[in-house]
PDB file of N, CA and C in Angstrom:
ATOM      1  N   UNK A   1     -20.234  43.963 -19.475  1.00  0.00           N
ATOM      2  CA  UNK A   1     -20.248  43.820 -20.928  1.00  0.00           C
ATOM      3  C   UNK A   1     -20.530  42.368 -21.308  1.00  0.00           C
ATOM      4  N   UNK A   2     -21.147  41.653 -20.401  1.00  0.00           N
ATOM      5  CA  UNK A   2     -21.587  40.279 -20.609  1.00  0.00           C
ATOM      6  C   UNK A   2     -20.457  39.285 -20.832  1.00  0.00           C
ATOM      7  N   UNK A   3     -19.260  39.596 -20.354  1.00  0.00           N
ATOM      8  CA  UNK A   3     -18.150  38.641 -20.392  1.00  0.00           C
ATOM      9  C   UNK A   3     -18.261  37.753 -19.156  1.00  0.00           C
ATOM     10  N   UNK A   4     -18.070  36.453 -19.305  1.00  0.00           N
ATOM     11  CA  UNK A   4     -18.071  35.601 -18.113  1.00  0.00           C
ATOM     12  C   UNK A   4     -16.866  35.935 -17.235  1.00  0.00           C
ATOM     13  N   UNK A   5     -17.096  36.010 -15.937  1.00  0.00           N
ATOM     14  CA  UNK A   5     -16.052  36.410 -15.001  1.00  0.00           C
ATOM     15  C   UNK A   5     -16.037  35.450 -13.820  1.00  0.00           C
ATOM     16  N   UNK A   6     -14.825  35.035 -13.420  1.00  0.00           N
ATOM     17  CA  UNK A   6     -14.673  34.302 -12.166  1.00  0.00           C
ATOM     18  C   UNK A   6     -14.126  35.299 -11.168  1.00  0.00           C
ATOM     19  N   UNK A   7     -14.879  35.525 -10.145  1.00  0.00           N
ATOM     20  CA  UNK A   7     -14.484  36.465  -9.093  1.00  0.00           C
ATOM     21  C   UNK A   7     -14.865  35.820  -7.777  1.00  0.00           C
ATOM     22  N   UNK A   8     -13.891  35.639  -6.891  1.00  0.00           N
ATOM     23  CA  UNK A   8     -14.112  34.824  -5.687  1.00  0.00           C
ATOM     24  C   UNK A   8     -15.362  35.208  -4.907  1.00  0.00           C
ATOM     25  N   UNK A   9     -15.590  36.494  -4.740  1.00  0.00           N
ATOM     26  CA  UNK A   9     -16.719  36.941  -3.924  1.00  0.00           C
ATOM     27  C   UNK A   9     -18.063  36.484  -4.499  1.00  0.00           C
ATOM     28  N   UNK A  10     -18.135  36.343  -5.824  1.00  0.00           N
ATOM     29  CA  UNK A  10     -19.381  35.963  -6.474  1.00  0.00           C
ATOM     30  C   UNK A  10     -19.393  34.514  -6.930  1.00  0.00           C
ATOM     31  N   UNK A  11     -18.229  33.915  -7.082  1.00  0.00           N
ATOM     32  CA  UNK A  11     -18.134  32.582  -7.666  1.00  0.00           C
ATOM     33  C   UNK A  11     -18.048  31.460  -6.645  1.00  0.00           C
ATOM     34  N   UNK A  12     -17.701  31.781  -5.400  1.00  0.00           N
ATOM     35  CA  UNK A  12     -17.546  30.755  -4.381  1.00  0.00           C
ATOM     36  C   UNK A  12     -18.741  30.738  -3.435  1.00  0.00           C
ATOM     37  N   UNK A  13     -19.016  29.546  -2.942  1.00  0.00           N
ATOM     38  CA  UNK A  13     -20.066  29.436  -1.937  1.00  0.00           C
ATOM     39  C   UNK A  13     -19.474  28.800  -0.680  1.00  0.00           C
ATOM     40  N   UNK A  14     -20.183  28.888   0.416  1.00  0.00           N
ATOM     41  CA  UNK A  14     -19.713  28.356   1.689  1.00  0.00           C
ATOM     42  C   UNK A  14     -19.329  26.884   1.532  1.00  0.00           C
ATOM     43  N   UNK A  15     -18.152  26.551   2.012  1.00  0.00           N
ATOM     44  CA  UNK A  15     -17.674  25.173   1.978  1.00  0.00           C
ATOM     45  C   UNK A  15     -16.792  24.838   0.790  1.00  0.00           C
ATOM     46  N   UNK A  16     -16.728  25.716  -0.226  1.00  0.00           N
ATOM     47  CA  UNK A  16     -15.871  25.457  -1.382  1.00  0.00           C
ATOM     48  C   UNK A  16     -14.404  25.456  -0.955  1.00  0.00           C
ATOM     49  N   UNK A  17     -13.611  24.678  -1.644  1.00  0.00           N
ATOM     50  CA  UNK A  17     -12.168  24.644  -1.425  1.00  0.00           C
ATOM     51  C   UNK A  17     -11.561  25.835  -2.164  1.00  0.00           C
ATOM     52  N   UNK A  18     -11.102  26.829  -1.433  1.00  0.00           N
ATOM     53  CA  UNK A  18     -10.618  28.075  -2.014  1.00  0.00           C
ATOM     54  C   UNK A  18      -9.443  27.846  -2.957  1.00  0.00           C
ATOM     55  N   UNK A  19      -8.423  27.150  -2.508  1.00  0.00           N
ATOM     56  CA  UNK A  19      -7.235  26.918  -3.331  1.00  0.00           C
ATOM     57  C   UNK A  19      -7.593  26.179  -4.609  1.00  0.00           C
ATOM     58  N   UNK A  20      -8.386  25.122  -4.494  1.00  0.00           N
ATOM     59  CA  UNK A  20      -8.773  24.327  -5.655  1.00  0.00           C
ATOM     60  C   UNK A  20      -9.596  25.159  -6.646  1.00  0.00           C
ATOM     61  N   UNK A  21     -10.486  25.977  -6.138  1.00  0.00           N
ATOM     62  CA  UNK A  21     -11.326  26.818  -6.998  1.00  0.00           C
ATOM     63  C   UNK A  21     -10.485  27.859  -7.731  1.00  0.00           C
ATOM     64  N   UNK A  22      -9.551  28.483  -7.027  1.00  0.00           N
ATOM     65  CA  UNK A  22      -8.689  29.483  -7.648  1.00  0.00           C
ATOM     66  C   UNK A  22      -7.809  28.834  -8.708  1.00  0.00           C
ATOM     67  N   UNK A  23      -7.199  27.715  -8.394  1.00  0.00           N
ATOM     68  CA  UNK A  23      -6.327  27.044  -9.360  1.00  0.00           C
ATOM     69  C   UNK A  23      -7.107  26.603 -10.591  1.00  0.00           C
ATOM     70  N   UNK A  24      -8.301  26.114 -10.394  1.00  0.00           N
ATOM     71  CA  UNK A  24      -9.144  25.717 -11.518  1.00  0.00           C
ATOM     72  C   UNK A  24      -9.458  26.920 -12.392  1.00  0.00           C
ATOM     73  N   UNK A  25      -9.822  28.031 -11.771  1.00  0.00           N
ATOM     74  CA  UNK A  25     -10.112  29.247 -12.523  1.00  0.00           C
ATOM     75  C   UNK A  25      -8.904  29.733 -13.300  1.00  0.00           C
ATOM     76  N   UNK A  26      -7.725  29.684 -12.696  1.00  0.00           N
ATOM     77  CA  UNK A  26      -6.513  30.149 -13.355  1.00  0.00           C
ATOM     78  C   UNK A  26      -6.112  29.251 -14.520  1.00  0.00           C
ATOM     79  N   UNK A  27      -6.390  27.959 -14.412  1.00  0.00           N
ATOM     80  CA  UNK A  27      -6.067  27.035 -15.498  1.00  0.00           C
ATOM     81  C   UNK A  27      -7.038  27.152 -16.662  1.00  0.00           C
ATOM     82  N   UNK A  28      -8.293  27.441 -16.361  1.00  0.00           N
ATOM     83  CA  UNK A  28      -9.329  27.416 -17.390  1.00  0.00           C
ATOM     84  C   UNK A  28      -9.609  28.766 -18.032  1.00  0.00           C
ATOM     85  N   UNK A  29      -9.198  29.853 -17.394  1.00  0.00           N
ATOM     86  CA  UNK A  29      -9.536  31.170 -17.914  1.00  0.00           C
ATOM     87  C   UNK A  29      -8.870  31.439 -19.260  1.00  0.00           C
ATOM     88  N   UNK A  30      -9.571  32.165 -20.100  1.00  0.00           N
ATOM     89  CA  UNK A  30      -9.018  32.560 -21.394  1.00  0.00           C
ATOM     90  C   UNK A  30      -7.998  33.673 -21.182  1.00  0.00           C
ATOM     91  N   UNK A  31      -8.354  34.668 -20.386  1.00  0.00           N
ATOM     92  CA  UNK A  31      -7.473  35.761 -20.009  1.00  0.00           C
ATOM     93  C   UNK A  31      -7.618  36.021 -18.520  1.00  0.00           C
ATOM     94  N   UNK A  32      -6.569  36.594 -17.968  1.00  0.00           N
ATOM     95  CA  UNK A  32      -6.574  36.942 -16.551  1.00  0.00           C
ATOM     96  C   UNK A  32      -6.302  38.435 -16.423  1.00  0.00           C
ATOM     97  N   UNK A  33      -7.315  39.185 -15.995  1.00  0.00           N
ATOM     98  CA  UNK A  33      -7.128  40.607 -15.770  1.00  0.00           C
ATOM     99  C   UNK A  33      -6.426  40.759 -14.435  1.00  0.00           C
ATOM    100  N   UNK A  34      -5.270  41.369 -14.479  1.00  0.00           N
ATOM    101  CA  UNK A  34      -4.429  41.505 -13.286  1.00  0.00           C
ATOM    102  C   UNK A  34      -4.368  42.978 -12.907  1.00  0.00           C
ATOM    103  N   UNK A  35      -5.002  43.343 -11.796  1.00  0.00           N
ATOM    104  CA  UNK A  35      -4.996  44.712 -11.312  1.00  0.00           C
ATOM    105  C   UNK A  35      -3.760  44.885 -10.431  1.00  0.00           C
ATOM    106  N   UNK A  36      -2.814  45.671 -10.911  1.00  0.00           N
ATOM    107  CA  UNK A  36      -1.565  45.885 -10.184  1.00  0.00           C
ATOM    108  C   UNK A  36      -1.669  47.159  -9.359  1.00  0.00           C
ATOM    109  N   UNK A  37      -1.718  46.985  -8.055  1.00  0.00           N
ATOM    110  CA  UNK A  37      -1.755  48.102  -7.112  1.00  0.00           C
ATOM    111  C   UNK A  37      -0.579  47.923  -6.155  1.00  0.00           C
ATOM    112  N   UNK A  38      -0.325  48.930  -5.342  1.00  0.00           N
ATOM    113  CA  UNK A  38       0.741  48.794  -4.344  1.00  0.00           C
ATOM    114  C   UNK A  38       0.449  47.645  -3.391  1.00  0.00           C
ATOM    115  N   UNK A  39      -0.820  47.462  -3.050  1.00  0.00           N
ATOM    116  CA  UNK A  39      -1.207  46.350  -2.174  1.00  0.00           C
ATOM    117  C   UNK A  39      -0.890  45.012  -2.842  1.00  0.00           C
ATOM    118  N   UNK A  40      -1.225  44.879  -4.126  1.00  0.00           N
ATOM    119  CA  UNK A  40      -0.923  43.652  -4.859  1.00  0.00           C
ATOM    120  C   UNK A  40       0.576  43.387  -4.847  1.00  0.00           C
ATOM    121  N   UNK A  41       1.364  44.413  -5.174  1.00  0.00           N
ATOM    122  CA  UNK A  41       2.815  44.236  -5.261  1.00  0.00           C
ATOM    123  C   UNK A  41       3.450  43.908  -3.914  1.00  0.00           C
ATOM    124  N   UNK A  42       2.842  44.357  -2.822  1.00  0.00           N
ATOM    125  CA  UNK A  42       3.396  44.121  -1.489  1.00  0.00           C
ATOM    126  C   UNK A  42       3.008  42.763  -0.920  1.00  0.00           C
ATOM    127  N   UNK A  43       1.978  42.129  -1.483  1.00  0.00           N
ATOM    128  CA  UNK A  43       1.493  40.853  -0.946  1.00  0.00           C
ATOM    129  C   UNK A  43       2.316  39.715  -1.525  1.00  0.00           C
ATOM    130  N   UNK A  44       3.008  39.002  -0.668  1.00  0.00           N
ATOM    131  CA  UNK A  44       3.827  37.879  -1.128  1.00  0.00           C
ATOM    132  C   UNK A  44       3.176  36.528  -0.868  1.00  0.00           C
ATOM    133  N   UNK A  45       1.902  36.525  -0.599  1.00  0.00           N
ATOM    134  CA  UNK A  45       1.217  35.263  -0.336  1.00  0.00           C
ATOM    135  C   UNK A  45       0.301  34.907  -1.500  1.00  0.00           C
ATOM    136  N   UNK A  46      -1.002  35.137  -1.344  1.00  0.00           N
ATOM    137  CA  UNK A  46      -1.972  34.725  -2.373  1.00  0.00           C
ATOM    138  C   UNK A  46      -1.705  35.359  -3.718  1.00  0.00           C
ATOM    139  N   UNK A  47      -1.512  36.678  -3.738  1.00  0.00           N
ATOM    140  CA  UNK A  47      -1.360  37.320  -5.043  1.00  0.00           C
ATOM    141  C   UNK A  47      -0.102  36.834  -5.762  1.00  0.00           C
ATOM    142  N   UNK A  48       0.972  36.616  -5.048  1.00  0.00           N
ATOM    143  CA  UNK A  48       2.211  36.120  -5.665  1.00  0.00           C
ATOM    144  C   UNK A  48       1.983  34.705  -6.200  1.00  0.00           C
ATOM    145  N   UNK A  49       1.314  33.878  -5.436  1.00  0.00           N
ATOM    146  CA  UNK A  49       1.040  32.505  -5.865  1.00  0.00           C
ATOM    147  C   UNK A  49       0.169  32.492  -7.114  1.00  0.00           C
ATOM    148  N   UNK A  50      -0.877  33.323  -7.128  1.00  0.00           N
ATOM    149  CA  UNK A  50      -1.754  33.393  -8.289  1.00  0.00           C
ATOM    150  C   UNK A  50      -0.997  33.905  -9.510  1.00  0.00           C
ATOM    151  N   UNK A  51      -0.200  34.966  -9.329  1.00  0.00           N
ATOM    152  CA  UNK A  51       0.577  35.496 -10.445  1.00  0.00           C
ATOM    153  C   UNK A  51       1.542  34.441 -10.971  1.00  0.00           C
ATOM    154  N   UNK A  52       2.240  33.756 -10.093  1.00  0.00           N
ATOM    155  CA  UNK A  52       3.181  32.720 -10.518  1.00  0.00           C
ATOM    156  C   UNK A  52       2.480  31.645 -11.344  1.00  0.00           C
ATOM    157  N   UNK A  53       1.267  31.272 -10.935  1.00  0.00           N
ATOM    158  CA  UNK A  53       0.507  30.256 -11.666  1.00  0.00           C
ATOM    159  C   UNK A  53       0.160  30.722 -13.074  1.00  0.00           C
ATOM    160  N   UNK A  54      -0.315  31.950 -13.201  1.00  0.00           N
ATOM    161  CA  UNK A  54      -0.690  32.477 -14.513  1.00  0.00           C
ATOM    162  C   UNK A  54       0.544  32.674 -15.381  1.00  0.00           C
ATOM    163  N   UNK A  55       1.624  33.166 -14.797  1.00  0.00           N
ATOM    164  CA  UNK A  55       2.847  33.393 -15.552  1.00  0.00           C
ATOM    165  C   UNK A  55       3.414  32.059 -16.056  1.00  0.00           C
ATOM    166  N   UNK A  56       3.372  31.027 -15.226  1.00  0.00           N
ATOM    167  CA  UNK A  56       3.822  29.694 -15.629  1.00  0.00           C
ATOM    168  C   UNK A  56       2.983  29.190 -16.793  1.00  0.00           C
ATOM    169  N   UNK A  57       1.689  29.432 -16.729  1.00  0.00           N
ATOM    170  CA  UNK A  57       0.802  29.026 -17.827  1.00  0.00           C
ATOM    171  C   UNK A  57       1.192  29.739 -19.123  1.00  0.00           C
ATOM    172  N   UNK A  58       1.501  31.021 -19.044  1.00  0.00           N
ATOM    173  CA  UNK A  58       1.931  31.751 -20.242  1.00  0.00           C
ATOM    174  C   UNK A  58       3.178  31.107 -20.843  1.00  0.00           C
ATOM    175  N   UNK A  59       4.111  30.711 -20.009  1.00  0.00           N
ATOM    176  CA  UNK A  59       5.348  30.085 -20.487  1.00  0.00           C
ATOM    177  C   UNK A  59       5.036  28.742 -21.146  1.00  0.00           C
ATOM    178  N   UNK A  60       4.217  27.926 -20.498  1.00  0.00           N
ATOM    179  CA  UNK A  60       3.895  26.604 -21.029  1.00  0.00           C
ATOM    180  C   UNK A  60       3.122  26.670 -22.337  1.00  0.00           C
ATOM    181  N   UNK A  61       2.179  27.600 -22.423  1.00  0.00           N
ATOM    182  CA  UNK A  61       1.332  27.699 -23.614  1.00  0.00           C
ATOM    183  C   UNK A  61       1.932  28.597 -24.689  1.00  0.00           C
ATOM    184  N   UNK A  62       2.931  29.396 -24.324  1.00  0.00           N
ATOM    185  CA  UNK A  62       3.540  30.288 -25.286  1.00  0.00           C
ATOM    186  C   UNK A  62       2.617  31.406 -25.751  1.00  0.00           C
ATOM    187  N   UNK A  63       1.607  31.705 -24.960  1.00  0.00           N
ATOM    188  CA  UNK A  63       0.641  32.752 -25.301  1.00  0.00           C
ATOM    189  C   UNK A  63       0.427  33.667 -24.109  1.00  0.00           C
ATOM    190  N   UNK A  64       0.061  34.895 -24.404  1.00  0.00           N
ATOM    191  CA  UNK A  64      -0.262  35.835 -23.340  1.00  0.00           C
ATOM    192  C   UNK A  64      -1.617  35.515 -22.720  1.00  0.00           C
ATOM    193  N   UNK A  65      -1.661  35.489 -21.424  1.00  0.00           N
ATOM    194  CA  UNK A  65      -2.900  35.270 -20.678  1.00  0.00           C
ATOM    195  C   UNK A  65      -3.216  36.508 -19.845  1.00  0.00           C
ATOM    196  N   UNK A  66      -2.182  37.179 -19.380  1.00  0.00           N
ATOM    197  CA  UNK A  66      -2.339  38.303 -18.454  1.00  0.00           C
ATOM    198  C   UNK A  66      -2.676  39.589 -19.210  1.00  0.00           C
ATOM    199  N   UNK A  67      -3.727  40.258 -18.747  1.00  0.00           N
ATOM    200  CA  UNK A  67      -4.087  41.592 -19.214  1.00  0.00           C
ATOM    201  C   UNK A  67      -3.872  42.523 -18.033  1.00  0.00           C
ATOM    202  N   UNK A  68      -2.721  43.205 -17.968  1.00  0.00           N
ATOM    203  CA  UNK A  68      -2.406  44.010 -16.792  1.00  0.00           C
ATOM    204  C   UNK A  68      -3.083  45.383 -16.802  1.00  0.00           C
ATOM    205  N   UNK A  69      -3.532  45.781 -15.631  1.00  0.00           N
ATOM    206  CA  UNK A  69      -4.095  47.107 -15.410  1.00  0.00           C
ATOM    207  C   UNK A  69      -3.352  47.699 -14.224  1.00  0.00           C
ATOM    208  N   UNK A  70      -2.734  48.856 -14.434  1.00  0.00           N
ATOM    209  CA  UNK A  70      -1.963  49.493 -13.373  1.00  0.00           C
ATOM    210  C   UNK A  70      -2.835  50.485 -12.621  1.00  0.00           C
ATOM    211  N   UNK A  71      -2.814  50.372 -11.315  1.00  0.00           N
ATOM    212  CA  UNK A  71      -3.566  51.277 -10.444  1.00  0.00           C
ATOM    213  C   UNK A  71      -2.597  51.953  -9.469  1.00  0.00           C
ATOM    214  N   UNK A  72      -2.194  53.160  -9.797  1.00  0.00           N
ATOM    215  CA  UNK A  72      -1.297  53.952  -8.949  1.00  0.00           C
ATOM    216  C   UNK A  72       0.034  53.258  -8.678  1.00  0.00           C
ATOM    217  N   UNK A  73       0.580  52.621  -9.706  1.00  0.00           N
ATOM    218  CA  UNK A  73       1.916  52.029  -9.606  1.00  0.00           C
ATOM    219  C   UNK A  73       2.766  52.574 -10.749  1.00  0.00           C
ATOM    220  N   UNK A  74       4.069  52.525 -10.564  1.00  0.00           N
ATOM    221  CA  UNK A  74       4.996  53.013 -11.573  1.00  0.00           C
ATOM    222  C   UNK A  74       5.703  51.838 -12.252  1.00  0.00           C
ATOM    223  N   UNK A  75       6.281  52.105 -13.407  1.00  0.00           N
ATOM    224  CA  UNK A  75       7.024  51.053 -14.112  1.00  0.00           C
ATOM    225  C   UNK A  75       8.151  50.492 -13.234  1.00  0.00           C
ATOM    226  N   UNK A  76       8.942  51.333 -12.521  1.00  0.00           N
ATOM    227  CA  UNK A  76       9.982  50.760 -11.650  1.00  0.00           C
ATOM    228  C   UNK A  76       9.406  49.854 -10.556  1.00  0.00           C
ATOM    229  N   UNK A  77       8.245  50.191 -10.010  1.00  0.00           N
ATOM    230  CA  UNK A  77       7.629  49.335  -8.976  1.00  0.00           C
ATOM    231  C   UNK A  77       7.195  47.998  -9.574  1.00  0.00           C
ATOM    232  N   UNK A  78       6.621  48.037 -10.762  1.00  0.00           N
ATOM    233  CA  UNK A  78       6.212  46.789 -11.421  1.00  0.00           C
ATOM    234  C   UNK A  78       7.448  45.986 -11.804  1.00  0.00           C
ATOM    235  N   UNK A  79       8.480  46.659 -12.295  1.00  0.00           N
ATOM    236  CA  UNK A  79       9.731  45.989 -12.651  1.00  0.00           C
ATOM    237  C   UNK A  79      10.345  45.286 -11.441  1.00  0.00           C
ATOM    238  N   UNK A  80      10.327  45.942 -10.301  1.00  0.00           N
ATOM    239  CA  UNK A  80      10.870  45.339  -9.077  1.00  0.00           C
ATOM    240  C   UNK A  80      10.122  44.058  -8.734  1.00  0.00           C
ATOM    241  N   UNK A  81       8.825  44.047  -8.971  1.00  0.00           N
ATOM    242  CA  UNK A  81       7.994  42.863  -8.694  1.00  0.00           C
ATOM    243  C   UNK A  81       8.262  41.772  -9.734  1.00  0.00           C
ATOM    244  N   UNK A  82       8.282  42.175 -11.008  1.00  0.00           N
ATOM    245  CA  UNK A  82       8.488  41.217 -12.094  1.00  0.00           C
ATOM    246  C   UNK A  82       8.953  41.940 -13.352  1.00  0.00           C
ATOM    247  N   UNK A  83      10.207  41.789 -13.743  1.00  0.00           N
ATOM    248  CA  UNK A  83      10.686  42.432 -14.961  1.00  0.00           C
ATOM    249  C   UNK A  83       9.852  42.069 -16.192  1.00  0.00           C
ATOM    250  N   UNK A  84       9.442  40.824 -16.288  1.00  0.00           N
ATOM    251  CA  UNK A  84       8.634  40.401 -17.438  1.00  0.00           C
ATOM    252  C   UNK A  84       7.279  41.091 -17.462  1.00  0.00           C
ATOM    253  N   UNK A  85       6.706  41.314 -16.315  1.00  0.00           N
ATOM    254  CA  UNK A  85       5.403  41.976 -16.233  1.00  0.00           C
ATOM    255  C   UNK A  85       5.523  43.452 -16.612  1.00  0.00           C
ATOM    256  N   UNK A  86       6.640  44.061 -16.287  1.00  0.00           N
ATOM    257  CA  UNK A  86       6.858  45.468 -16.646  1.00  0.00           C
ATOM    258  C   UNK A  86       7.002  45.643 -18.155  1.00  0.00           C
ATOM    259  N   UNK A  87       7.304  44.555 -18.863  1.00  0.00           N
ATOM    260  CA  UNK A  87       7.474  44.597 -20.308  1.00  0.00           C
ATOM    261  C   UNK A  87       6.149  44.455 -21.065  1.00  0.00           C
ATOM    262  N   UNK A  88       5.080  44.126 -20.374  1.00  0.00           N
ATOM    263  CA  UNK A  88       3.773  43.950 -21.024  1.00  0.00           C
ATOM    264  C   UNK A  88       3.075  45.294 -21.185  1.00  0.00           C
ATOM    265  N   UNK A  89       2.419  45.480 -22.316  1.00  0.00           N
ATOM    266  CA  UNK A  89       1.590  46.662 -22.494  1.00  0.00           C
ATOM    267  C   UNK A  89       0.442  46.558 -21.504  1.00  0.00           C
ATOM    268  N   UNK A  90       0.222  47.633 -20.756  1.00  0.00           N
ATOM    269  CA  UNK A  90      -0.800  47.620 -19.702  1.00  0.00           C
ATOM    270  C   UNK A  90      -1.749  48.795 -19.886  1.00  0.00           C
ATOM    271  N   UNK A  91      -2.910  48.653 -19.297  1.00  0.00           N
ATOM    272  CA  UNK A  91      -3.837  49.778 -19.194  1.00  0.00           C
ATOM    273  C   UNK A  91      -3.581  50.468 -17.868  1.00  0.00           C
ATOM    274  N   UNK A  92      -3.918  51.748 -17.810  1.00  0.00           N
ATOM    275  CA  UNK A  92      -3.741  52.490 -16.577  1.00  0.00           C
ATOM    276  C   UNK A  92      -5.108  52.964 -16.096  1.00  0.00           C
ATOM    277  N   UNK A  93      -5.359  52.803 -14.818  1.00  0.00           N
ATOM    278  CA  UNK A  93      -6.643  53.216 -14.244  1.00  0.00           C
ATOM    279  C   UNK A  93      -6.908  54.705 -14.436  1.00  0.00           C
ATOM    280  N   UNK A  94      -5.870  55.483 -14.709  1.00  0.00           N
ATOM    281  CA  UNK A  94      -6.041  56.918 -14.961  1.00  0.00           C
ATOM    282  C   UNK A  94      -6.927  57.180 -16.179  1.00  0.00           C
ATOM    283  N   UNK A  95      -7.105  56.180 -17.034  1.00  0.00           N
ATOM    284  CA  UNK A  95      -7.968  56.322 -18.208  1.00  0.00           C
ATOM    285  C   UNK A  95      -9.444  56.442 -17.819  1.00  0.00           C
ATOM    286  N   UNK A  96      -9.768  56.009 -16.603  1.00  0.00           N
ATOM    287  CA  UNK A  96     -11.158  55.980 -16.160  1.00  0.00           C
ATOM    288  C   UNK A  96     -11.738  54.584 -16.343  1.00  0.00           C
ATOM    289  N   UNK A  97     -12.665  54.233 -15.479  1.00  0.00           N
ATOM    290  CA  UNK A  97     -13.223  52.884 -15.459  1.00  0.00           C
ATOM    291  C   UNK A  97     -13.858  52.493 -16.800  1.00  0.00           C
ATOM    292  N   UNK A  98     -14.660  53.379 -17.373  1.00  0.00           N
ATOM    293  CA  UNK A  98     -15.340  53.047 -18.624  1.00  0.00           C
ATOM    294  C   UNK A  98     -14.355  52.757 -19.754  1.00  0.00           C
ATOM    295  N   UNK A  99     -13.297  53.549 -19.855  1.00  0.00           N
ATOM    296  CA  UNK A  99     -12.313  53.341 -20.920  1.00  0.00           C
ATOM    297  C   UNK A  99     -11.505  52.073 -20.677  1.00  0.00           C
ATOM    298  N   UNK A 100     -11.132  51.812 -19.435  1.00  0.00           N
ATOM    299  CA  UNK A 100     -10.404  50.583 -19.107  1.00  0.00           C
ATOM    300  C   UNK A 100     -11.254  49.371 -19.475  1.00  0.00           C
ATOM    301  N   UNK A 101     -12.518  49.387 -19.085  1.00  0.00           N
ATOM    302  CA  UNK A 101     -13.414  48.269 -19.385  1.00  0.00           C
ATOM    303  C   UNK A 101     -13.574  48.113 -20.902  1.00  0.00           C
ATOM    304  N   UNK A 102     -13.744  49.214 -21.622  1.00  0.00           N
ATOM    305  CA  UNK A 102     -13.907  49.162 -23.079  1.00  0.00           C
ATOM    306  C   UNK A 102     -12.677  48.521 -23.731  1.00  0.00           C
ATOM    307  N   UNK A 103     -11.493  48.927 -23.295  1.00  0.00           N
ATOM    308  CA  UNK A 103     -10.261  48.390 -23.887  1.00  0.00           C
ATOM    309  C   UNK A 103     -10.028  46.929 -23.501  1.00  0.00           C
ATOM    310  N   UNK A 104     -10.375  46.571 -22.262  1.00  0.00           N
ATOM    311  CA  UNK A 104     -10.266  45.158 -21.867  1.00  0.00           C
ATOM    312  C   UNK A 104     -11.217  44.303 -22.706  1.00  0.00           C
ATOM    313  N   UNK A 105     -12.421  44.784 -22.877  1.00  0.00           N
ATOM    314  CA  UNK A 105     -13.401  44.063 -23.687  1.00  0.00           C
ATOM    315  C   UNK A 105     -12.880  43.853 -25.101  1.00  0.00           C
ATOM    316  N   UNK A 106     -12.318  44.904 -25.695  1.00  0.00           N
ATOM    317  CA  UNK A 106     -11.753  44.796 -27.041  1.00  0.00           C
ATOM    318  C   UNK A 106     -10.637  43.770 -27.094  1.00  0.00           C
ATOM    319  N   UNK A 107      -9.785  43.753 -26.073  1.00  0.00           N
ATOM    320  CA  UNK A 107      -8.676  42.779 -26.034  1.00  0.00           C
ATOM    321  C   UNK A 107      -9.198  41.356 -25.884  1.00  0.00           C
ATOM    322  N   UNK A 108     -10.202  41.187 -25.047  1.00  0.00           N
ATOM    323  CA  UNK A 108     -10.772  39.848 -24.830  1.00  0.00           C
ATOM    324  C   UNK A 108     -11.463  39.340 -26.081  1.00  0.00           C
ATOM    325  N   UNK A 109     -12.220  40.189 -26.740  1.00  0.00           N
ATOM    326  CA  UNK A 109     -12.965  39.773 -27.922  1.00  0.00           C
ATOM    327  C   UNK A 109     -12.035  39.522 -29.119  1.00  0.00           C
ATOM    328  N   UNK A 110     -10.860  40.127 -29.110  1.00  0.00           N
ATOM    329  CA  UNK A 110      -9.906  39.928 -30.211  1.00  0.00           C
ATOM    330  C   UNK A 110      -9.248  38.558 -30.158  1.00  0.00           C
ATOM    331  N   UNK A 111      -9.321  37.893 -29.024  1.00  0.00           N
ATOM    332  CA  UNK A 111      -8.677  36.593 -28.856  1.00  0.00           C
ATOM    333  C   UNK A 111      -9.413  35.501 -29.597  1.00  0.00           C
TER     334      UNK A 111
END
């Protein structure tokens, strides 16, 4: 939908500093689409670090940055990972890719 996107697979080139590039993207992004899957919730390394960075930014700026999308996860599973994240209105992948993208686009353009 012609929204600018930072995605590691497409945004990084050989030799780039991965940590520095990710942190820069997280600091500069207008919104962060967060796909919550069981794999995401179980990973306590990169995904936890990235989430902590975005969540800290939300606290510092006093504005929502995270646009959560749930993929085969339940509210109790998200709550176990982060009570604050379970309190955010989220999209569910059960809506279908086209509807999820349409609603994300609407949320991004409303900012």
